[in-house]
Amino acid sequence: MVAQKVTIINPTGLHLRPAGVFCNAASSFRCKVEFRYKETTANAKSVLSVLGACIKKGDTIELVCDGEDETEALHTMVSLIEEGLGE
């Protein structure tokens, strides 16, 4: 298991379009990809789970990847967030 904290920088947070980008990227990995925000743990491969966490600009989440390609998944997901999720 690997984990890293990252701050959401895109102006609208994880609304529908960036949440879709986020989930599509997470779904491309075989490992389990989740994130923690406050007391919530969300499945990064589920758009409904991501939207339900209500992540806004400036919020810090902890990405957690567990499985055979966990290191690659964590690196990719952190990079995607740091680049603004396409916005």
N, C-alpha and C. Protein backbone atom coordinates (compact mmCIF):
# COMPACT_ATOMS: atom_id res chain seq x y z
N MET A 1 0.84 -1.18 0.00
CA MET A 1 0.00 0.00 0.00
C MET A 1 0.89 1.25 0.00
N VAL A 2 0.52 2.21 -0.85
CA VAL A 2 1.21 3.49 -0.90
C VAL A 2 0.16 4.60 -0.78
N ALA A 3 0.58 5.72 -0.21
CA ALA A 3 -0.36 6.83 -0.02
C ALA A 3 0.39 8.15 -0.12
N GLN A 4 -0.35 9.19 -0.51
CA GLN A 4 0.22 10.52 -0.61
C GLN A 4 -0.90 11.55 -0.53
N LYS A 5 -0.62 12.65 0.17
CA LYS A 5 -1.58 13.75 0.24
C LYS A 5 -1.34 14.68 -0.93
N VAL A 6 -2.44 15.21 -1.47
CA VAL A 6 -2.37 16.13 -2.61
C VAL A 6 -3.52 17.12 -2.48
N THR A 7 -3.25 18.37 -2.89
CA THR A 7 -4.26 19.42 -2.81
C THR A 7 -4.91 19.63 -4.17
N ILE A 8 -6.22 19.74 -4.17
CA ILE A 8 -6.98 19.97 -5.40
C ILE A 8 -6.79 21.43 -5.81
N ILE A 9 -6.32 21.65 -7.05
CA ILE A 9 -6.02 23.01 -7.49
C ILE A 9 -6.98 23.53 -8.55
N ASN A 10 -7.73 22.66 -9.20
CA ASN A 10 -8.60 23.16 -10.27
C ASN A 10 -9.74 24.00 -9.66
N PRO A 11 -10.16 25.04 -10.36
CA PRO A 11 -11.08 26.04 -9.80
C PRO A 11 -12.42 25.51 -9.29
N THR A 12 -12.92 24.45 -9.87
CA THR A 12 -14.25 23.96 -9.48
C THR A 12 -14.21 22.69 -8.64
N GLY A 13 -13.03 22.28 -8.21
CA GLY A 13 -12.93 21.06 -7.41
C GLY A 13 -13.26 19.83 -8.24
N LEU A 14 -13.76 18.80 -7.58
CA LEU A 14 -14.08 17.56 -8.29
C LEU A 14 -15.56 17.53 -8.66
N HIS A 15 -15.97 18.44 -9.54
CA HIS A 15 -17.34 18.39 -10.06
C HIS A 15 -17.38 17.33 -11.16
N LEU A 16 -18.47 17.22 -11.88
CA LEU A 16 -18.70 16.07 -12.76
C LEU A 16 -17.61 15.81 -13.79
N ARG A 17 -17.20 16.82 -14.57
CA ARG A 17 -16.22 16.56 -15.62
C ARG A 17 -14.85 16.14 -15.06
N PRO A 18 -14.26 16.90 -14.12
CA PRO A 18 -12.98 16.43 -13.58
C PRO A 18 -13.11 15.13 -12.79
N ALA A 19 -14.26 14.90 -12.17
CA ALA A 19 -14.46 13.63 -11.47
C ALA A 19 -14.44 12.48 -12.46
N GLY A 20 -15.00 12.69 -13.64
CA GLY A 20 -14.96 11.67 -14.69
C GLY A 20 -13.54 11.39 -15.15
N VAL A 21 -12.76 12.43 -15.34
CA VAL A 21 -11.34 12.28 -15.72
C VAL A 21 -10.61 11.50 -14.63
N PHE A 22 -10.84 11.87 -13.39
CA PHE A 22 -10.22 11.25 -12.22
C PHE A 22 -10.57 9.76 -12.16
N CYS A 23 -11.85 9.44 -12.30
CA CYS A 23 -12.31 8.05 -12.22
C CYS A 23 -11.82 7.21 -13.39
N ASN A 24 -11.82 7.77 -14.58
CA ASN A 24 -11.30 7.04 -15.75
C ASN A 24 -9.84 6.68 -15.56
N ALA A 25 -9.07 7.61 -15.03
CA ALA A 25 -7.65 7.33 -14.79
C ALA A 25 -7.50 6.24 -13.73
N ALA A 26 -8.24 6.36 -12.63
CA ALA A 26 -8.16 5.37 -11.55
C ALA A 26 -8.58 3.98 -12.05
N SER A 27 -9.59 3.94 -12.91
CA SER A 27 -10.10 2.66 -13.42
C SER A 27 -9.14 1.96 -14.35
N SER A 28 -8.15 2.66 -14.85
CA SER A 28 -7.19 2.05 -15.76
C SER A 28 -6.16 1.18 -15.02
N PHE A 29 -6.19 1.21 -13.69
CA PHE A 29 -5.24 0.42 -12.90
C PHE A 29 -5.94 -0.77 -12.26
N ARG A 30 -5.19 -1.83 -12.05
CA ARG A 30 -5.73 -3.05 -11.45
C ARG A 30 -5.84 -2.92 -9.93
N CYS A 31 -5.00 -2.09 -9.34
CA CYS A 31 -4.99 -1.96 -7.88
C CYS A 31 -6.23 -1.20 -7.39
N LYS A 32 -6.45 -1.29 -6.11
CA LYS A 32 -7.53 -0.54 -5.46
C LYS A 32 -7.06 0.91 -5.33
N VAL A 33 -7.89 1.86 -5.74
CA VAL A 33 -7.55 3.29 -5.64
C VAL A 33 -8.66 3.97 -4.86
N GLU A 34 -8.30 4.53 -3.72
CA GLU A 34 -9.25 5.24 -2.87
C GLU A 34 -8.65 6.57 -2.47
N PHE A 35 -9.48 7.43 -1.90
CA PHE A 35 -8.94 8.63 -1.28
C PHE A 35 -9.69 8.91 0.00
N ARG A 36 -8.99 9.57 0.91
CA ARG A 36 -9.56 9.94 2.20
C ARG A 36 -9.67 11.45 2.26
N TYR A 37 -10.81 11.91 2.74
CA TYR A 37 -11.03 13.33 2.94
C TYR A 37 -11.84 13.48 4.22
N LYS A 38 -11.26 14.13 5.20
CA LYS A 38 -11.86 14.22 6.54
C LYS A 38 -12.15 12.80 7.03
N GLU A 39 -13.40 12.49 7.35
CA GLU A 39 -13.73 11.14 7.83
C GLU A 39 -14.25 10.23 6.72
N THR A 40 -14.19 10.69 5.47
CA THR A 40 -14.75 9.95 4.36
C THR A 40 -13.65 9.20 3.60
N THR A 41 -13.93 7.95 3.24
CA THR A 41 -13.08 7.20 2.33
C THR A 41 -13.92 6.93 1.09
N ALA A 42 -13.39 7.32 -0.07
CA ALA A 42 -14.15 7.20 -1.31
C ALA A 42 -13.40 6.32 -2.30
N ASN A 43 -14.17 5.58 -3.08
CA ASN A 43 -13.63 4.75 -4.15
C ASN A 43 -13.34 5.67 -5.34
N ALA A 44 -12.08 5.81 -5.72
CA ALA A 44 -11.69 6.71 -6.81
C ALA A 44 -12.14 6.21 -8.18
N LYS A 45 -12.61 4.99 -8.25
CA LYS A 45 -13.08 4.42 -9.52
C LYS A 45 -14.58 4.62 -9.73
N SER A 46 -15.25 5.25 -8.76
CA SER A 46 -16.69 5.45 -8.81
C SER A 46 -17.01 6.95 -8.86
N VAL A 47 -17.62 7.40 -9.95
CA VAL A 47 -17.97 8.82 -10.08
C VAL A 47 -18.90 9.24 -8.95
N LEU A 48 -19.87 8.42 -8.61
CA LEU A 48 -20.80 8.78 -7.53
C LEU A 48 -20.09 8.91 -6.19
N SER A 49 -19.15 8.04 -5.93
CA SER A 49 -18.38 8.10 -4.69
C SER A 49 -17.52 9.38 -4.65
N VAL A 50 -16.90 9.72 -5.78
CA VAL A 50 -16.07 10.91 -5.86
C VAL A 50 -16.92 12.17 -5.68
N LEU A 51 -18.04 12.24 -6.40
CA LEU A 51 -18.92 13.41 -6.30
C LEU A 51 -19.49 13.54 -4.88
N GLY A 52 -19.79 12.42 -4.26
CA GLY A 52 -20.36 12.42 -2.92
C GLY A 52 -19.42 12.95 -1.85
N ALA A 53 -18.13 12.97 -2.12
CA ALA A 53 -17.15 13.48 -1.16
C ALA A 53 -17.12 15.00 -1.12
N CYS A 54 -17.71 15.65 -2.13
CA CYS A 54 -17.82 17.12 -2.19
C CYS A 54 -16.47 17.83 -2.05
N ILE A 55 -15.52 17.44 -2.88
CA ILE A 55 -14.18 18.02 -2.83
C ILE A 55 -14.16 19.34 -3.60
N LYS A 56 -13.63 20.37 -2.94
CA LYS A 56 -13.57 21.70 -3.54
C LYS A 56 -12.13 22.15 -3.72
N LYS A 57 -11.93 23.22 -4.46
CA LYS A 57 -10.59 23.77 -4.66
C LYS A 57 -9.97 24.08 -3.29
N GLY A 58 -8.72 23.68 -3.15
CA GLY A 58 -7.99 23.92 -1.90
C GLY A 58 -8.08 22.79 -0.90
N ASP A 59 -8.99 21.84 -1.10
CA ASP A 59 -9.10 20.70 -0.20
C ASP A 59 -7.92 19.76 -0.43
N THR A 60 -7.44 19.17 0.65
CA THR A 60 -6.36 18.19 0.56
C THR A 60 -6.93 16.81 0.81
N ILE A 61 -6.64 15.90 -0.13
CA ILE A 61 -7.09 14.52 0.01
C ILE A 61 -5.85 13.63 0.14
N GLU A 62 -6.03 12.45 0.68
CA GLU A 62 -4.96 11.46 0.73
C GLU A 62 -5.32 10.32 -0.21
N LEU A 63 -4.55 10.19 -1.27
CA LEU A 63 -4.74 9.08 -2.21
C LEU A 63 -4.11 7.83 -1.62
N VAL A 64 -4.81 6.71 -1.71
CA VAL A 64 -4.30 5.43 -1.21
C VAL A 64 -4.47 4.39 -2.31
N CYS A 65 -3.35 3.77 -2.71
CA CYS A 65 -3.38 2.74 -3.74
C CYS A 65 -2.82 1.46 -3.15
N ASP A 66 -3.50 0.35 -3.43
CA ASP A 66 -3.10 -0.93 -2.86
C ASP A 66 -3.28 -2.03 -3.89
N GLY A 67 -2.18 -2.64 -4.31
CA GLY A 67 -2.24 -3.72 -5.28
C GLY A 67 -0.99 -3.77 -6.14
N GLU A 68 -1.04 -4.58 -7.19
CA GLU A 68 0.15 -4.86 -7.96
C GLU A 68 0.75 -3.66 -8.69
N ASP A 69 -0.06 -2.71 -9.14
CA ASP A 69 0.47 -1.54 -9.85
C ASP A 69 0.28 -0.26 -9.05
N GLU A 70 0.34 -0.39 -7.72
CA GLU A 70 0.04 0.72 -6.82
C GLU A 70 0.95 1.93 -6.99
N THR A 71 2.24 1.71 -7.18
CA THR A 71 3.17 2.84 -7.30
C THR A 71 2.90 3.65 -8.56
N GLU A 72 2.69 2.97 -9.66
CA GLU A 72 2.37 3.65 -10.91
C GLU A 72 1.04 4.39 -10.80
N ALA A 73 0.06 3.77 -10.17
CA ALA A 73 -1.26 4.39 -10.00
C ALA A 73 -1.15 5.65 -9.16
N LEU A 74 -0.43 5.59 -8.06
CA LEU A 74 -0.30 6.75 -7.19
C LEU A 74 0.39 7.90 -7.93
N HIS A 75 1.46 7.59 -8.62
CA HIS A 75 2.19 8.63 -9.37
C HIS A 75 1.29 9.28 -10.43
N THR A 76 0.57 8.46 -11.16
CA THR A 76 -0.32 8.97 -12.22
C THR A 76 -1.43 9.83 -11.64
N MET A 77 -2.07 9.37 -10.58
CA MET A 77 -3.19 10.11 -9.99
C MET A 77 -2.73 11.44 -9.39
N VAL A 78 -1.60 11.43 -8.71
CA VAL A 78 -1.07 12.68 -8.13
C VAL A 78 -0.74 13.66 -9.25
N SER A 79 -0.08 13.19 -10.29
CA SER A 79 0.26 14.07 -11.42
C SER A 79 -0.98 14.66 -12.06
N LEU A 80 -2.00 13.85 -12.23
CA LEU A 80 -3.25 14.31 -12.84
C LEU A 80 -3.88 15.42 -12.00
N ILE A 81 -3.90 15.25 -10.71
CA ILE A 81 -4.46 16.28 -9.81
C ILE A 81 -3.61 17.54 -9.84
N GLU A 82 -2.30 17.38 -9.79
CA GLU A 82 -1.40 18.54 -9.80
C GLU A 82 -1.46 19.31 -11.11
N GLU A 83 -1.89 18.66 -12.18
CA GLU A 83 -2.05 19.32 -13.48
C GLU A 83 -3.44 19.91 -13.65
N GLY A 84 -4.31 19.79 -12.64
CA GLY A 84 -5.63 20.43 -12.69
C GLY A 84 -6.73 19.60 -13.29
N LEU A 85 -6.51 18.30 -13.49
CA LEU A 85 -7.55 17.40 -14.02
C LEU A 85 -8.13 17.89 -15.34
N GLY A 86 -7.26 18.42 -16.18
CA GLY A 86 -7.69 18.83 -17.53
C GLY A 86 -8.38 20.17 -17.60
N GLU A 87 -8.40 20.92 -16.52
CA GLU A 87 -9.07 22.24 -16.56
C GLU A 87 -8.06 23.35 -16.59
